[in-house]
Amino acid sequence: LLVTDRATARSLDTDPATVLLLDDPATVRAAADAAPLAPRPAHGDAPAYVIHTSGSTGRPKGVVVTRAAVVNFLLCLADTLDFRGSERLLAVTTVGFDIAVLELFLPLITGGTVVLADREQVRDPALLAGLIDTARPTVMQATPSLWRALLDARPDAVDGLLALAGGEALAPDLARRLVAHGAELVNLYGPTETTIWSTAGTLDATAAEDPHIGTPLWNTRALVLGRGLVPLPAGITGELYLAGDGLALGYLGRPGQTAERFTAEPGGPPGARMYRTGDLARLRADGTLEIVGRADHQVKIRGHRIEPG
C-alpha cells in the first residue's frame, strides 16, 4: 500500500496497484465518517510478539517476548553500536527469524535507513554482493554461514561494513577473514528466549584469533554455573544461564516446558528467573564470555536449532 498525495502520485515513475491518496475527497470523507480509535495503553510486560523456535524437539515452541524486553534490547544496541541516524542497514533476514527485529527497527528508531534484500539476493552471494555495491549499506547482520558465502563470492564486498555476526558459532578463520577484508566485526550471542541477542563483543584482529561473545547487554546477567547451580570462577567451564529484563514470559500454552527452561535465579532479586541456554561457556579473565560447546547434542545450522536424534 502506497500512502501519498495526488501531486506526488502524478510524479511517480511506477504505478502501484494500490494507492491511498491522503488528499483525495473520497479519502477525506472516509476518514471523517470513521469511528475514532480509542488508544490502548500498553504495559511493558504485555507481549510484543510470539515467535516460534525452529522445533529442535519436533514441535515448534511459541516464545512470548514482552514489549519491555524489545525496548531494552533496541535501546542498548543503538547505544552499543553507536547508531546516529546516518546508518544504512542491509536487511537479509526473514521475519520468521527474530534477529529481523534488529534489522527492521534499530535503524527506524534512530532515523536510519533499512534496505531490504529479496529472497533471491539472500540465496545468491553474487547477487548479494551486487546489492551491496548499489545500495551502499553501512551495516549488515548475518549468520556466520552467510558471511562465509559472501566472502567466498566477493571478499571486497565487506570492506567498510559494520558486520554483525550471530546465530551460530563464529569460527576463528571466518573472523580473521572479515577483519582482514576491512569489516568492523561485532560478535553477537543470544537465544530467542532472551530476546534476540544477550551479549555483544567487538572483535579486532587479535580477538578474531579466538572469538569471544563479549559481555551482557543492558539489564542482562550471564551466569556460568556448575553442579548445584554454583557460580564458577573465571576460566572454569559450566552451563550458561541468562537472567534479567530480556527474558521472555515463556512458551505459549506450554507451562511444563516453560518451567523446565525458565527457573528461579539463585541469589537473584525476589521472583527473578533465569533461562537455561544449554550452552557451555566460561568467563575469561578480561570479563568476556566464551562459548565452548553444548551440554546436549543440539547443533545450529544458519541459526536453526537441530537435534540430530
C-alpha atoms as a PDB file:
ATOM      1  CA  LEU A   1       0.000   0.000   0.000  1.00  0.00           C
ATOM      2  CA  LEU A   2       1.490   3.322  -1.073  1.00  0.00           C
ATOM      3  CA  VAL A   3       0.378   6.306   1.059  1.00  0.00           C
ATOM      4  CA  THR A   4       0.935   9.628  -0.684  1.00  0.00           C
ATOM      5  CA  ASP A   5      -0.912  12.673  -2.056  1.00  0.00           C
ATOM      6  CA  ARG A   6      -2.221  13.464  -5.533  1.00  0.00           C
ATOM      7  CA  ALA A   7       0.638  15.749  -6.583  1.00  0.00           C
ATOM      8  CA  THR A   8       3.289  13.217  -5.635  1.00  0.00           C
ATOM      9  CA  ALA A   9       1.381  10.335  -7.218  1.00  0.00           C
ATOM     10  CA  ARG A  10       1.403  12.134 -10.585  1.00  0.00           C
ATOM     11  CA  SER A  11       5.197  12.411 -10.500  1.00  0.00           C
ATOM     12  CA  LEU A  12       5.901   8.756  -9.759  1.00  0.00           C
ATOM     13  CA  ASP A  13       7.512   6.598 -12.411  1.00  0.00           C
ATOM     14  CA  THR A  14       5.769   3.465 -11.184  1.00  0.00           C
ATOM     15  CA  ASP A  15       2.071   2.701 -10.971  1.00  0.00           C
ATOM     16  CA  PRO A  16       1.486   0.751  -7.735  1.00  0.00           C
ATOM     17  CA  ALA A  17      -1.534  -1.496  -7.688  1.00  0.00           C
ATOM     18  CA  THR A  18      -2.896   0.096  -4.502  1.00  0.00           C
ATOM     19  CA  VAL A  19      -2.522   3.775  -3.648  1.00  0.00           C
ATOM     20  CA  LEU A  20      -4.073   5.710  -0.766  1.00  0.00           C
ATOM     21  CA  LEU A  21      -4.248   9.411  -1.638  1.00  0.00           C
ATOM     22  CA  LEU A  22      -4.460  11.393   1.586  1.00  0.00           C
ATOM     23  CA  ASP A  23      -5.943  14.496  -0.071  1.00  0.00           C
ATOM     24  CA  ASP A  24      -8.426  12.684  -2.277  1.00  0.00           C
ATOM     25  CA  PRO A  25     -12.022  13.788  -1.429  1.00  0.00           C
ATOM     26  CA  ALA A  26     -13.100  10.163  -1.042  1.00  0.00           C
ATOM     27  CA  THR A  27     -10.306   9.532   1.460  1.00  0.00           C
ATOM     28  CA  VAL A  28     -11.193  12.669   3.420  1.00  0.00           C
ATOM     29  CA  ARG A  29     -14.861  11.641   3.587  1.00  0.00           C
ATOM     30  CA  ALA A  30     -13.993   8.105   4.681  1.00  0.00           C
ATOM     31  CA  ALA A  31     -11.745   9.438   7.438  1.00  0.00           C
ATOM     32  CA  ALA A  32     -14.448  11.803   8.656  1.00  0.00           C
ATOM     33  CA  ASP A  33     -17.034   9.003   8.783  1.00  0.00           C
ATOM     34  CA  ALA A  34     -14.761   6.511  10.564  1.00  0.00           C
ATOM     35  CA  ALA A  35     -15.202   5.944  14.276  1.00  0.00           C
ATOM     36  CA  PRO A  36     -12.200   7.203  16.249  1.00  0.00           C
ATOM     37  CA  LEU A  37      -9.850   4.541  17.580  1.00  0.00           C
ATOM     38  CA  ALA A  38      -9.559   4.524  21.346  1.00  0.00           C
ATOM     39  CA  PRO A  39      -5.895   4.335  22.370  1.00  0.00           C
ATOM     40  CA  ARG A  40      -4.983   1.268  24.378  1.00  0.00           C
ATOM     41  CA  PRO A  41      -2.133   1.865  26.817  1.00  0.00           C
ATOM     42  CA  ALA A  42       0.396  -0.937  26.653  1.00  0.00           C
ATOM     43  CA  HIS A  43       2.252  -2.159  29.719  1.00  0.00           C
ATOM     44  CA  GLY A  44       5.877  -3.197  29.374  1.00  0.00           C
ATOM     45  CA  ASP A  45       5.018  -6.743  30.470  1.00  0.00           C
ATOM     46  CA  ALA A  46       2.494  -7.098  27.628  1.00  0.00           C
ATOM     47  CA  PRO A  47       3.593  -9.362  24.771  1.00  0.00           C
ATOM     48  CA  ALA A  48       5.213  -7.603  21.812  1.00  0.00           C
ATOM     49  CA  TYR A  49       5.235 -10.735  19.666  1.00  0.00           C
ATOM     50  CA  VAL A  50       5.162 -14.512  19.722  1.00  0.00           C
ATOM     51  CA  ILE A  51       7.821 -16.163  17.586  1.00  0.00           C
ATOM     52  CA  HIS A  52       8.358 -19.874  17.156  1.00  0.00           C
ATOM     53  CA  THR A  53      11.684 -21.626  17.528  1.00  0.00           C
ATOM     54  CA  SER A  54      12.689 -23.958  14.731  1.00  0.00           C
ATOM     55  CA  GLY A  55      11.362 -27.016  16.533  1.00  0.00           C
ATOM     56  CA  SER A  56      14.502 -28.772  17.737  1.00  0.00           C
ATOM     57  CA  THR A  57      12.323 -31.240  19.664  1.00  0.00           C
ATOM     58  CA  GLY A  58       9.908 -31.886  16.815  1.00  0.00           C
ATOM     59  CA  ARG A  59       7.213 -29.325  17.668  1.00  0.00           C
ATOM     60  CA  PRO A  60       7.942 -25.589  17.427  1.00  0.00           C
ATOM     61  CA  LYS A  61       7.545 -23.626  20.654  1.00  0.00           C
ATOM     62  CA  GLY A  62       5.989 -20.156  20.637  1.00  0.00           C
ATOM     63  CA  VAL A  63       8.219 -17.795  22.638  1.00  0.00           C
ATOM     64  CA  VAL A  64       6.281 -14.891  24.175  1.00  0.00           C
ATOM     65  CA  VAL A  65       8.507 -11.780  24.187  1.00  0.00           C
ATOM     66  CA  THR A  66       7.487  -8.628  26.074  1.00  0.00           C
ATOM     67  CA  ARG A  67       7.481  -5.011  24.928  1.00  0.00           C
ATOM     68  CA  ALA A  68       9.897  -4.027  27.700  1.00  0.00           C
ATOM     69  CA  ALA A  69      12.364  -6.699  26.591  1.00  0.00           C
ATOM     70  CA  VAL A  70      12.334  -5.451  22.996  1.00  0.00           C
ATOM     71  CA  VAL A  71      12.725  -1.811  24.065  1.00  0.00           C
ATOM     72  CA  ASN A  72      15.641  -2.719  26.362  1.00  0.00           C
ATOM     73  CA  PHE A  73      17.285  -4.621  23.513  1.00  0.00           C
ATOM     74  CA  LEU A  74      16.862  -1.903  20.886  1.00  0.00           C
ATOM     75  CA  LEU A  75      17.981   0.992  23.100  1.00  0.00           C
ATOM     76  CA  CYS A  76      21.038  -0.958  24.250  1.00  0.00           C
ATOM     77  CA  LEU A  77      22.079  -1.911  20.710  1.00  0.00           C
ATOM     78  CA  ALA A  78      21.561   1.648  19.488  1.00  0.00           C
ATOM     79  CA  ASP A  79      23.994   2.802  22.164  1.00  0.00           C
ATOM     80  CA  THR A  80      26.422  -0.122  21.885  1.00  0.00           C
ATOM     81  CA  LEU A  81      26.665   0.128  18.077  1.00  0.00           C
ATOM     82  CA  ASP A  82      26.600   3.942  18.181  1.00  0.00           C
ATOM     83  CA  PHE A  83      23.713   4.354  15.756  1.00  0.00           C
ATOM     84  CA  ARG A  84      23.279   8.065  14.976  1.00  0.00           C
ATOM     85  CA  GLY A  85      20.714   8.078  12.172  1.00  0.00           C
ATOM     86  CA  SER A  86      23.079   8.050   9.201  1.00  0.00           C
ATOM     87  CA  GLU A  87      23.298   4.247   9.043  1.00  0.00           C
ATOM     88  CA  ARG A  88      22.061   2.191   6.089  1.00  0.00           C
ATOM     89  CA  LEU A  89      21.330  -1.358   7.254  1.00  0.00           C
ATOM     90  CA  LEU A  90      21.008  -4.117   4.690  1.00  0.00           C
ATOM     91  CA  ALA A  91      18.289  -6.480   5.997  1.00  0.00           C
ATOM     92  CA  VAL A  92      18.813 -10.060   4.821  1.00  0.00           C
ATOM     93  CA  THR A  93      16.805 -11.983   7.419  1.00  0.00           C
ATOM     94  CA  THR A  94      13.310 -13.400   7.047  1.00  0.00           C
ATOM     95  CA  VAL A  95      10.821 -12.060   9.602  1.00  0.00           C
ATOM     96  CA  GLY A  96      10.396 -15.661  10.788  1.00  0.00           C
ATOM     97  CA  PHE A  97      13.809 -15.312  12.481  1.00  0.00           C
ATOM     98  CA  ASP A  98      13.819 -12.987  15.487  1.00  0.00           C
ATOM     99  CA  ILE A  99      17.055 -11.219  14.565  1.00  0.00           C
ATOM    100  CA  ALA A 100      14.976  -9.422  11.918  1.00  0.00           C
ATOM    101  CA  VAL A 101      13.690  -7.268  14.804  1.00  0.00           C
ATOM    102  CA  LEU A 102      17.122  -5.623  14.937  1.00  0.00           C
ATOM    103  CA  GLU A 103      17.300  -5.169  11.183  1.00  0.00           C
ATOM    104  CA  LEU A 104      13.892  -3.535  10.833  1.00  0.00           C
ATOM    105  CA  PHE A 105      13.516  -1.485  13.986  1.00  0.00           C
ATOM    106  CA  LEU A 106      17.018  -0.432  15.059  1.00  0.00           C
ATOM    107  CA  PRO A 107      17.573   1.885  12.055  1.00  0.00           C
ATOM    108  CA  LEU A 108      13.995   3.149  12.185  1.00  0.00           C
ATOM    109  CA  ILE A 109      14.057   4.220  15.857  1.00  0.00           C
ATOM    110  CA  THR A 110      17.339   6.061  15.305  1.00  0.00           C
ATOM    111  CA  GLY A 111      16.469   7.748  11.992  1.00  0.00           C
ATOM    112  CA  GLY A 112      18.484   5.450   9.763  1.00  0.00           C
ATOM    113  CA  THR A 113      17.601   3.564   6.579  1.00  0.00           C
ATOM    114  CA  VAL A 114      16.601  -0.071   6.039  1.00  0.00           C
ATOM    115  CA  VAL A 115      17.483  -1.632   2.676  1.00  0.00           C
ATOM    116  CA  LEU A 116      15.525  -4.853   2.110  1.00  0.00           C
ATOM    117  CA  ALA A 117      17.218  -7.680   0.239  1.00  0.00           C
ATOM    118  CA  ASP A 118      14.890 -10.027  -1.617  1.00  0.00           C
ATOM    119  CA  ARG A 119      14.896 -13.809  -1.348  1.00  0.00           C
ATOM    120  CA  GLU A 120      16.969 -14.356  -4.491  1.00  0.00           C
ATOM    121  CA  GLN A 121      19.654 -11.892  -3.379  1.00  0.00           C
ATOM    122  CA  VAL A 122      19.991 -13.566   0.025  1.00  0.00           C
ATOM    123  CA  ARG A 123      20.292 -17.009  -1.570  1.00  0.00           C
ATOM    124  CA  ASP A 124      22.888 -15.967  -4.167  1.00  0.00           C
ATOM    125  CA  PRO A 125      26.058 -14.431  -2.676  1.00  0.00           C
ATOM    126  CA  ALA A 126      26.981 -12.865  -6.038  1.00  0.00           C
ATOM    127  CA  LEU A 127      23.621 -11.080  -6.211  1.00  0.00           C
ATOM    128  CA  LEU A 128      24.011 -10.017  -2.585  1.00  0.00           C
ATOM    129  CA  ALA A 129      27.430  -8.559  -3.335  1.00  0.00           C
ATOM    130  CA  GLY A 130      25.888  -6.661  -6.246  1.00  0.00           C
ATOM    131  CA  LEU A 131      23.212  -5.248  -3.951  1.00  0.00           C
ATOM    132  CA  ILE A 132      25.926  -4.076  -1.561  1.00  0.00           C
ATOM    133  CA  ASP A 133      27.606  -2.311  -4.482  1.00  0.00           C
ATOM    134  CA  THR A 134      24.440  -0.460  -5.487  1.00  0.00           C
ATOM    135  CA  ALA A 135      22.739   0.171  -2.107  1.00  0.00           C
ATOM    136  CA  ARG A 136      25.961   1.110  -0.276  1.00  0.00           C
ATOM    137  CA  PRO A 137      24.892  -0.126   3.171  1.00  0.00           C
ATOM    138  CA  THR A 138      26.993   0.680   6.220  1.00  0.00           C
ATOM    139  CA  VAL A 139      25.713  -2.190   8.407  1.00  0.00           C
ATOM    140  CA  MET A 140      24.717  -5.779   7.771  1.00  0.00           C
ATOM    141  CA  GLN A 141      23.729  -8.563  10.158  1.00  0.00           C
ATOM    142  CA  ALA A 142      24.009 -12.215   9.135  1.00  0.00           C
ATOM    143  CA  THR A 143      24.791 -15.697  10.342  1.00  0.00           C
ATOM    144  CA  PRO A 144      28.410 -16.817  10.003  1.00  0.00           C
ATOM    145  CA  SER A 145      27.290 -19.190   7.215  1.00  0.00           C
ATOM    146  CA  LEU A 146      26.064 -16.280   5.106  1.00  0.00           C
ATOM    147  CA  TRP A 147      29.137 -14.175   5.875  1.00  0.00           C
ATOM    148  CA  ARG A 148      31.341 -17.039   4.714  1.00  0.00           C
ATOM    149  CA  ALA A 149      29.385 -17.455   1.474  1.00  0.00           C
ATOM    150  CA  LEU A 150      29.639 -13.716   0.784  1.00  0.00           C
ATOM    151  CA  LEU A 151      33.382 -13.692   1.424  1.00  0.00           C
ATOM    152  CA  ASP A 152      33.866 -16.703  -0.854  1.00  0.00           C
ATOM    153  CA  ALA A 153      31.996 -14.915  -3.650  1.00  0.00           C
ATOM    154  CA  ARG A 154      33.322 -11.369  -3.225  1.00  0.00           C
ATOM    155  CA  PRO A 155      35.763 -10.710  -0.345  1.00  0.00           C
ATOM    156  CA  ASP A 156      35.875  -6.981  -1.090  1.00  0.00           C
ATOM    157  CA  ALA A 157      32.096  -6.675  -0.533  1.00  0.00           C
ATOM    158  CA  VAL A 158      32.567  -6.411   3.244  1.00  0.00           C
ATOM    159  CA  ASP A 159      35.059  -3.563   3.087  1.00  0.00           C
ATOM    160  CA  GLY A 160      33.898  -0.749   5.356  1.00  0.00           C
ATOM    161  CA  LEU A 161      30.849  -2.627   6.656  1.00  0.00           C
ATOM    162  CA  LEU A 162      29.882  -2.915  10.298  1.00  0.00           C
ATOM    163  CA  ALA A 163      29.460  -6.698  10.248  1.00  0.00           C
ATOM    164  CA  LEU A 164      27.165  -8.171  12.896  1.00  0.00           C
ATOM    165  CA  ALA A 165      27.563 -11.944  13.228  1.00  0.00           C
ATOM    166  CA  GLY A 166      25.332 -14.230  15.252  1.00  0.00           C
ATOM    167  CA  GLY A 167      23.030 -17.228  15.261  1.00  0.00           C
ATOM    168  CA  GLU A 168      25.765 -19.839  15.318  1.00  0.00           C
ATOM    169  CA  ALA A 169      29.395 -20.162  16.415  1.00  0.00           C
ATOM    170  CA  LEU A 170      31.830 -17.748  14.751  1.00  0.00           C
ATOM    171  CA  ALA A 171      34.905 -19.697  13.614  1.00  0.00           C
ATOM    172  CA  PRO A 172      38.305 -18.034  14.074  1.00  0.00           C
ATOM    173  CA  ASP A 173      39.202 -18.298  10.371  1.00  0.00           C
ATOM    174  CA  LEU A 174      35.982 -16.517   9.384  1.00  0.00           C
ATOM    175  CA  ALA A 175      36.511 -13.810  11.994  1.00  0.00           C
ATOM    176  CA  ARG A 176      40.034 -13.253  10.691  1.00  0.00           C
ATOM    177  CA  ARG A 177      38.823 -13.006   7.092  1.00  0.00           C
ATOM    178  CA  LEU A 178      36.099 -10.483   7.921  1.00  0.00           C
ATOM    179  CA  VAL A 179      38.524  -8.231   9.792  1.00  0.00           C
ATOM    180  CA  ALA A 180      41.279  -8.668   7.194  1.00  0.00           C
ATOM    181  CA  HIS A 181      38.924  -7.561   4.396  1.00  0.00           C
ATOM    182  CA  GLY A 182      38.002  -4.355   6.165  1.00  0.00           C
ATOM    183  CA  ALA A 183      34.887  -5.179   8.169  1.00  0.00           C
ATOM    184  CA  GLU A 184      34.310  -3.871  11.676  1.00  0.00           C
ATOM    185  CA  LEU A 185      33.197  -7.073  13.386  1.00  0.00           C
ATOM    186  CA  VAL A 186      30.762  -7.474  16.294  1.00  0.00           C
ATOM    187  CA  ASN A 187      30.002 -10.987  17.525  1.00  0.00           C
ATOM    188  CA  LEU A 188      26.503 -11.417  18.995  1.00  0.00           C
ATOM    189  CA  TYR A 189      25.026 -14.202  21.088  1.00  0.00           C
ATOM    190  CA  GLY A 190      21.600 -14.987  22.453  1.00  0.00           C
ATOM    191  CA  PRO A 191      18.693 -17.415  22.224  1.00  0.00           C
ATOM    192  CA  THR A 192      15.172 -16.446  21.151  1.00  0.00           C
ATOM    193  CA  GLU A 193      14.013 -16.956  24.748  1.00  0.00           C
ATOM    194  CA  THR A 194      16.077 -13.993  25.982  1.00  0.00           C
ATOM    195  CA  THR A 195      15.040 -11.573  23.218  1.00  0.00           C
ATOM    196  CA  ILE A 196      17.274 -11.838  20.188  1.00  0.00           C
ATOM    197  CA  TRP A 197      20.801 -11.087  21.476  1.00  0.00           C
ATOM    198  CA  SER A 198      22.016 -11.127  25.073  1.00  0.00           C
ATOM    199  CA  THR A 199      25.725 -10.352  24.669  1.00  0.00           C
ATOM    200  CA  ALA A 200      27.857  -8.415  22.210  1.00  0.00           C
ATOM    201  CA  GLY A 201      31.584  -8.122  21.666  1.00  0.00           C
ATOM    202  CA  THR A 202      33.717  -6.227  19.157  1.00  0.00           C
ATOM    203  CA  LEU A 203      36.485  -8.343  17.645  1.00  0.00           C
ATOM    204  CA  ASP A 204      39.681  -6.744  16.386  1.00  0.00           C
ATOM    205  CA  ALA A 205      42.453  -8.639  14.612  1.00  0.00           C
ATOM    206  CA  THR A 206      43.791 -10.001  17.898  1.00  0.00           C
ATOM    207  CA  ALA A 207      40.402 -11.056  19.318  1.00  0.00           C
ATOM    208  CA  ALA A 208      39.472 -12.666  15.985  1.00  0.00           C
ATOM    209  CA  GLU A 209      42.125 -15.315  16.609  1.00  0.00           C
ATOM    210  CA  ASP A 210      39.971 -16.701  19.444  1.00  0.00           C
ATOM    211  CA  PRO A 211      36.494 -15.148  19.197  1.00  0.00           C
ATOM    212  CA  HIS A 212      34.503 -14.333  22.316  1.00  0.00           C
ATOM    213  CA  ILE A 213      30.849 -13.287  22.595  1.00  0.00           C
ATOM    214  CA  GLY A 214      31.577 -10.150  24.588  1.00  0.00           C
ATOM    215  CA  THR A 215      29.677  -9.029  27.657  1.00  0.00           C
ATOM    216  CA  PRO A 216      25.961  -8.887  28.579  1.00  0.00           C
ATOM    217  CA  LEU A 217      23.665  -6.208  27.198  1.00  0.00           C
ATOM    218  CA  TRP A 218      21.878  -3.719  29.445  1.00  0.00           C
ATOM    219  CA  ASN A 219      19.917  -5.216  32.343  1.00  0.00           C
ATOM    220  CA  THR A 220      21.156  -8.707  31.456  1.00  0.00           C
ATOM    221  CA  ARG A 221      23.020 -11.131  33.690  1.00  0.00           C
ATOM    222  CA  ALA A 222      25.100 -14.002  32.294  1.00  0.00           C
ATOM    223  CA  LEU A 223      25.703 -16.747  34.857  1.00  0.00           C
ATOM    224  CA  VAL A 224      28.186 -19.591  34.356  1.00  0.00           C
ATOM    225  CA  LEU A 225      27.015 -22.263  36.786  1.00  0.00           C
ATOM    226  CA  GLY A 226      28.247 -25.686  37.771  1.00  0.00           C
ATOM    227  CA  ARG A 227      26.575 -28.569  39.570  1.00  0.00           C
ATOM    228  CA  GLY A 228      24.008 -27.445  42.072  1.00  0.00           C
ATOM    229  CA  LEU A 229      23.824 -24.103  40.232  1.00  0.00           C
ATOM    230  CA  VAL A 230      27.022 -22.948  41.932  1.00  0.00           C
ATOM    231  CA  PRO A 231      28.678 -19.903  40.267  1.00  0.00           C
ATOM    232  CA  LEU A 232      32.014 -20.798  38.694  1.00  0.00           C
ATOM    233  CA  PRO A 233      35.134 -18.610  38.653  1.00  0.00           C
ATOM    234  CA  ALA A 234      36.801 -17.318  35.501  1.00  0.00           C
ATOM    235  CA  GLY A 235      38.412 -19.992  33.385  1.00  0.00           C
ATOM    236  CA  ILE A 236      36.149 -22.830  34.535  1.00  0.00           C
ATOM    237  CA  THR A 237      33.599 -24.261  32.095  1.00  0.00           C
ATOM    238  CA  GLY A 238      29.978 -24.504  33.158  1.00  0.00           C
ATOM    239  CA  GLU A 239      26.481 -24.148  31.741  1.00  0.00           C
ATOM    240  CA  LEU A 240      25.417 -20.653  30.729  1.00  0.00           C
ATOM    241  CA  TYR A 241      22.215 -19.209  32.196  1.00  0.00           C
ATOM    242  CA  LEU A 242      20.792 -15.803  31.269  1.00  0.00           C
ATOM    243  CA  ALA A 243      18.716 -13.566  33.524  1.00  0.00           C
ATOM    244  CA  GLY A 244      17.384 -10.022  33.507  1.00  0.00           C
ATOM    245  CA  ASP A 245      14.971  -7.871  31.537  1.00  0.00           C
ATOM    246  CA  GLY A 246      15.382  -9.778  28.287  1.00  0.00           C
ATOM    247  CA  LEU A 247      13.710 -12.968  29.487  1.00  0.00           C
ATOM    248  CA  ALA A 248      10.578 -13.996  27.627  1.00  0.00           C
ATOM    249  CA  LEU A 249       7.384 -14.750  29.526  1.00  0.00           C
ATOM    250  CA  GLY A 250       7.786 -18.386  28.479  1.00  0.00           C
ATOM    251  CA  TYR A 251       6.368 -20.747  25.863  1.00  0.00           C
ATOM    252  CA  LEU A 252       2.815 -20.048  24.743  1.00  0.00           C
ATOM    253  CA  GLY A 253       0.424 -22.617  26.191  1.00  0.00           C
ATOM    254  CA  ARG A 254       3.232 -24.913  27.382  1.00  0.00           C
ATOM    255  CA  PRO A 255       3.714 -24.434  31.137  1.00  0.00           C
ATOM    256  CA  GLY A 256       5.669 -27.652  31.579  1.00  0.00           C
ATOM    257  CA  GLN A 257       8.403 -26.726  29.118  1.00  0.00           C
ATOM    258  CA  THR A 258       8.399 -23.162  30.426  1.00  0.00           C
ATOM    259  CA  ALA A 259       9.072 -24.391  33.958  1.00  0.00           C
ATOM    260  CA  GLU A 260      11.811 -26.691  32.680  1.00  0.00           C
ATOM    261  CA  ARG A 261      13.801 -23.972  30.911  1.00  0.00           C
ATOM    262  CA  PHE A 262      12.902 -20.863  32.914  1.00  0.00           C
ATOM    263  CA  THR A 263      13.916 -21.484  36.519  1.00  0.00           C
ATOM    264  CA  ALA A 264      14.410 -19.423  39.679  1.00  0.00           C
ATOM    265  CA  GLU A 265      17.655 -17.445  39.787  1.00  0.00           C
ATOM    266  CA  PRO A 266      19.629 -18.409  42.905  1.00  0.00           C
ATOM    267  CA  GLY A 267      20.720 -15.287  44.747  1.00  0.00           C
ATOM    268  CA  GLY A 268      18.772 -13.039  42.395  1.00  0.00           C
ATOM    269  CA  PRO A 269      16.083 -10.487  43.263  1.00  0.00           C
ATOM    270  CA  PRO A 270      12.781 -11.863  44.624  1.00  0.00           C
ATOM    271  CA  GLY A 271      10.892 -13.641  41.866  1.00  0.00           C
ATOM    272  CA  ALA A 272      13.817 -13.421  39.426  1.00  0.00           C
ATOM    273  CA  ARG A 273      14.064 -16.127  36.790  1.00  0.00           C
ATOM    274  CA  MET A 274      16.846 -17.311  34.534  1.00  0.00           C
ATOM    275  CA  TYR A 275      16.889 -19.208  31.256  1.00  0.00           C
ATOM    276  CA  ARG A 276      18.935 -22.361  30.812  1.00  0.00           C
ATOM    277  CA  THR A 277      20.649 -21.960  27.442  1.00  0.00           C
ATOM    278  CA  GLY A 278      22.170 -25.433  27.196  1.00  0.00           C
ATOM    279  CA  ASP A 279      25.429 -23.833  26.058  1.00  0.00           C
ATOM    280  CA  LEU A 280      28.707 -24.494  27.817  1.00  0.00           C
ATOM    281  CA  ALA A 281      30.707 -21.352  28.491  1.00  0.00           C
ATOM    282  CA  ARG A 282      33.483 -19.888  30.552  1.00  0.00           C
ATOM    283  CA  LEU A 283      34.287 -16.402  31.737  1.00  0.00           C
ATOM    284  CA  ARG A 284      37.635 -15.085  30.581  1.00  0.00           C
ATOM    285  CA  ALA A 285      39.951 -13.066  32.780  1.00  0.00           C
ATOM    286  CA  ASP A 286      39.098  -9.892  30.829  1.00  0.00           C
ATOM    287  CA  GLY A 287      35.398 -10.296  31.636  1.00  0.00           C
ATOM    288  CA  THR A 288      34.287 -11.530  28.210  1.00  0.00           C
ATOM    289  CA  LEU A 289      32.390 -14.774  27.698  1.00  0.00           C
ATOM    290  CA  GLU A 290      33.442 -17.701  25.542  1.00  0.00           C
ATOM    291  CA  ILE A 291      31.111 -20.431  24.234  1.00  0.00           C
ATOM    292  CA  VAL A 292      32.859 -23.804  24.218  1.00  0.00           C
ATOM    293  CA  GLY A 293      30.112 -26.245  23.237  1.00  0.00           C
ATOM    294  CA  ARG A 294      26.737 -27.673  24.177  1.00  0.00           C
ATOM    295  CA  ALA A 295      25.531 -29.502  27.262  1.00  0.00           C
ATOM    296  CA  ASP A 296      23.442 -31.662  24.891  1.00  0.00           C
ATOM    297  CA  HIS A 297      23.742 -32.786  21.271  1.00  0.00           C
ATOM    298  CA  GLN A 298      21.923 -29.834  19.722  1.00  0.00           C
ATOM    299  CA  VAL A 299      23.582 -28.146  16.751  1.00  0.00           C
ATOM    300  CA  LYS A 300      22.789 -24.991  14.812  1.00  0.00           C
ATOM    301  CA  ILE A 301      22.780 -24.543  11.060  1.00  0.00           C
ATOM    302  CA  ARG A 302      22.325 -20.934   9.893  1.00  0.00           C
ATOM    303  CA  GLY A 303      20.665 -20.146  13.211  1.00  0.00           C
ATOM    304  CA  HIS A 304      18.213 -23.068  13.159  1.00  0.00           C
ATOM    305  CA  ARG A 305      18.265 -25.418  16.151  1.00  0.00           C
ATOM    306  CA  ILE A 306      18.531 -29.078  15.212  1.00  0.00           C
ATOM    307  CA  GLU A 307      18.502 -32.219  17.378  1.00  0.00           C
ATOM    308  CA  PRO A 308      20.368 -34.984  15.483  1.00  0.00           C
ATOM    309  CA  GLY A 309      18.312 -37.627  17.309  1.00  0.00           C
END
